[in-house]
Amino acid sequence: MNITDLKREDIAQIVSLKNTDKRFMERLMDLGIYESAKVTLLNKLAYSNLYLIEVDDIEICLRKEDAVNIEVRK
């Protein structure tokens, strides 16, 4: 399961950041997106091409291409 599979207001834990290059993974980690972090899907925008998430009281908008690479568990 990944972030795109979540419904609005679902809370999940990040299991892995698969298929992301090292540079992008470092950027995600700088934003607080790392394995074992709790994430909440706040909204799906632009015909489900953008995902607004909250991690550690920080709201972040991810493209669908990036959100599918973040594996989560409810």
C-alpha atoms as a PDB file:
ATOM      1  CA  MET A   1       0.000   0.000   0.000  1.00  0.00           C
ATOM      2  CA  ASN A   2       1.241   3.517  -0.739  1.00  0.00           C
ATOM      3  CA  ILE A   3       0.064   7.062  -0.054  1.00  0.00           C
ATOM      4  CA  THR A   4      -2.161   7.080  -3.145  1.00  0.00           C
ATOM      5  CA  ASP A   5      -4.184   4.189  -1.653  1.00  0.00           C
ATOM      6  CA  LEU A   6      -5.132   6.154   1.467  1.00  0.00           C
ATOM      7  CA  LYS A   7      -8.459   7.906   1.906  1.00  0.00           C
ATOM      8  CA  ARG A   8      -8.896  11.416   3.261  1.00  0.00           C
ATOM      9  CA  GLU A   9      -7.946  11.737   6.939  1.00  0.00           C
ATOM     10  CA  ASP A  10      -6.354   8.253   6.998  1.00  0.00           C
ATOM     11  CA  ILE A  11      -3.313   7.980   9.245  1.00  0.00           C
ATOM     12  CA  ALA A  12      -0.537   5.578   8.322  1.00  0.00           C
ATOM     13  CA  GLN A  13       3.090   4.834   9.094  1.00  0.00           C
ATOM     14  CA  ILE A  14       5.753   5.063   6.411  1.00  0.00           C
ATOM     15  CA  VAL A  15       7.296   1.644   5.811  1.00  0.00           C
ATOM     16  CA  SER A  16       9.736   2.403   3.003  1.00  0.00           C
ATOM     17  CA  LEU A  17      10.760   4.932   0.384  1.00  0.00           C
ATOM     18  CA  LYS A  18      11.189   2.603  -2.559  1.00  0.00           C
ATOM     19  CA  ASN A  19      12.352   3.537  -6.052  1.00  0.00           C
ATOM     20  CA  THR A  20      13.512   7.010  -5.064  1.00  0.00           C
ATOM     21  CA  ASP A  21      16.901   8.287  -6.034  1.00  0.00           C
ATOM     22  CA  LYS A  22      19.297   9.242  -3.274  1.00  0.00           C
ATOM     23  CA  ARG A  23      18.980  12.991  -3.812  1.00  0.00           C
ATOM     24  CA  PHE A  24      15.167  12.960  -3.699  1.00  0.00           C
ATOM     25  CA  MET A  25      15.186  10.676  -0.644  1.00  0.00           C
ATOM     26  CA  GLU A  26      17.443  13.136   1.185  1.00  0.00           C
ATOM     27  CA  ARG A  27      15.058  15.937   0.300  1.00  0.00           C
ATOM     28  CA  LEU A  28      12.087  13.955   1.649  1.00  0.00           C
ATOM     29  CA  MET A  29      13.993  13.264   4.851  1.00  0.00           C
ATOM     30  CA  ASP A  30      14.731  16.980   5.239  1.00  0.00           C
ATOM     31  CA  LEU A  31      10.959  17.537   5.116  1.00  0.00           C
ATOM     32  CA  GLY A  32      10.331  14.909   7.795  1.00  0.00           C
ATOM     33  CA  ILE A  33       9.317  12.076   5.492  1.00  0.00           C
ATOM     34  CA  TYR A  34      11.269   9.043   6.637  1.00  0.00           C
ATOM     35  CA  GLU A  35      10.643   5.404   7.511  1.00  0.00           C
ATOM     36  CA  SER A  36       8.470   4.959  10.634  1.00  0.00           C
ATOM     37  CA  ALA A  37       7.075   8.534  10.464  1.00  0.00           C
ATOM     38  CA  LYS A  38       3.306   8.962  10.848  1.00  0.00           C
ATOM     39  CA  VAL A  39       1.595  10.528   7.850  1.00  0.00           C
ATOM     40  CA  THR A  40      -1.977  11.794   7.399  1.00  0.00           C
ATOM     41  CA  LEU A  41      -3.556  12.215   3.984  1.00  0.00           C
ATOM     42  CA  LEU A  42      -5.339  15.566   4.141  1.00  0.00           C
ATOM     43  CA  ASN A  43      -6.635  15.821   0.579  1.00  0.00           C
ATOM     44  CA  LYS A  44      -6.294  14.673  -3.020  1.00  0.00           C
ATOM     45  CA  LEU A  45      -6.029  17.596  -5.435  1.00  0.00           C
ATOM     46  CA  ALA A  46      -6.006  18.169  -9.197  1.00  0.00           C
ATOM     47  CA  TYR A  47      -7.876  15.000 -10.136  1.00  0.00           C
ATOM     48  CA  SER A  48      -5.781  12.905  -7.720  1.00  0.00           C
ATOM     49  CA  ASN A  49      -2.492  14.034  -9.259  1.00  0.00           C
ATOM     50  CA  LEU A  50      -1.433  15.891  -6.094  1.00  0.00           C
ATOM     51  CA  TYR A  51      -1.553  14.578  -2.530  1.00  0.00           C
ATOM     52  CA  LEU A  52      -1.602  16.928   0.449  1.00  0.00           C
ATOM     53  CA  ILE A  53      -0.126  15.136   3.446  1.00  0.00           C
ATOM     54  CA  GLU A  54       0.803  16.068   6.995  1.00  0.00           C
ATOM     55  CA  VAL A  55       3.937  14.774   8.709  1.00  0.00           C
ATOM     56  CA  ASP A  56       4.970  16.111  12.137  1.00  0.00           C
ATOM     57  CA  ASP A  57       2.572  19.105  11.879  1.00  0.00           C
ATOM     58  CA  ILE A  58       4.027  20.049   8.474  1.00  0.00           C
ATOM     59  CA  GLU A  59       1.787  20.046   5.394  1.00  0.00           C
ATOM     60  CA  ILE A  60       3.461  18.882   2.186  1.00  0.00           C
ATOM     61  CA  CYS A  61       2.046  18.470  -1.310  1.00  0.00           C
ATOM     62  CA  LEU A  62       3.430  15.551  -3.340  1.00  0.00           C
ATOM     63  CA  ARG A  63       3.016  14.676  -6.997  1.00  0.00           C
ATOM     64  CA  LYS A  64       1.410  11.320  -7.719  1.00  0.00           C
ATOM     65  CA  GLU A  65       4.678  10.058  -9.269  1.00  0.00           C
ATOM     66  CA  ASP A  66       6.414  10.633  -5.933  1.00  0.00           C
ATOM     67  CA  ALA A  67       3.547   9.541  -3.665  1.00  0.00           C
ATOM     68  CA  VAL A  68       3.369   6.062  -5.229  1.00  0.00           C
ATOM     69  CA  ASN A  69       6.969   5.452  -4.128  1.00  0.00           C
ATOM     70  CA  ILE A  70       6.178   6.006  -0.437  1.00  0.00           C
ATOM     71  CA  GLU A  71       4.989   2.719   1.017  1.00  0.00           C
ATOM     72  CA  VAL A  72       2.778   2.953   4.119  1.00  0.00           C
ATOM     73  CA  ARG A  73       0.949   0.710   6.578  1.00  0.00           C
ATOM     74  CA  LYS A  74      -2.244   1.619   8.477  1.00  0.00           C
END
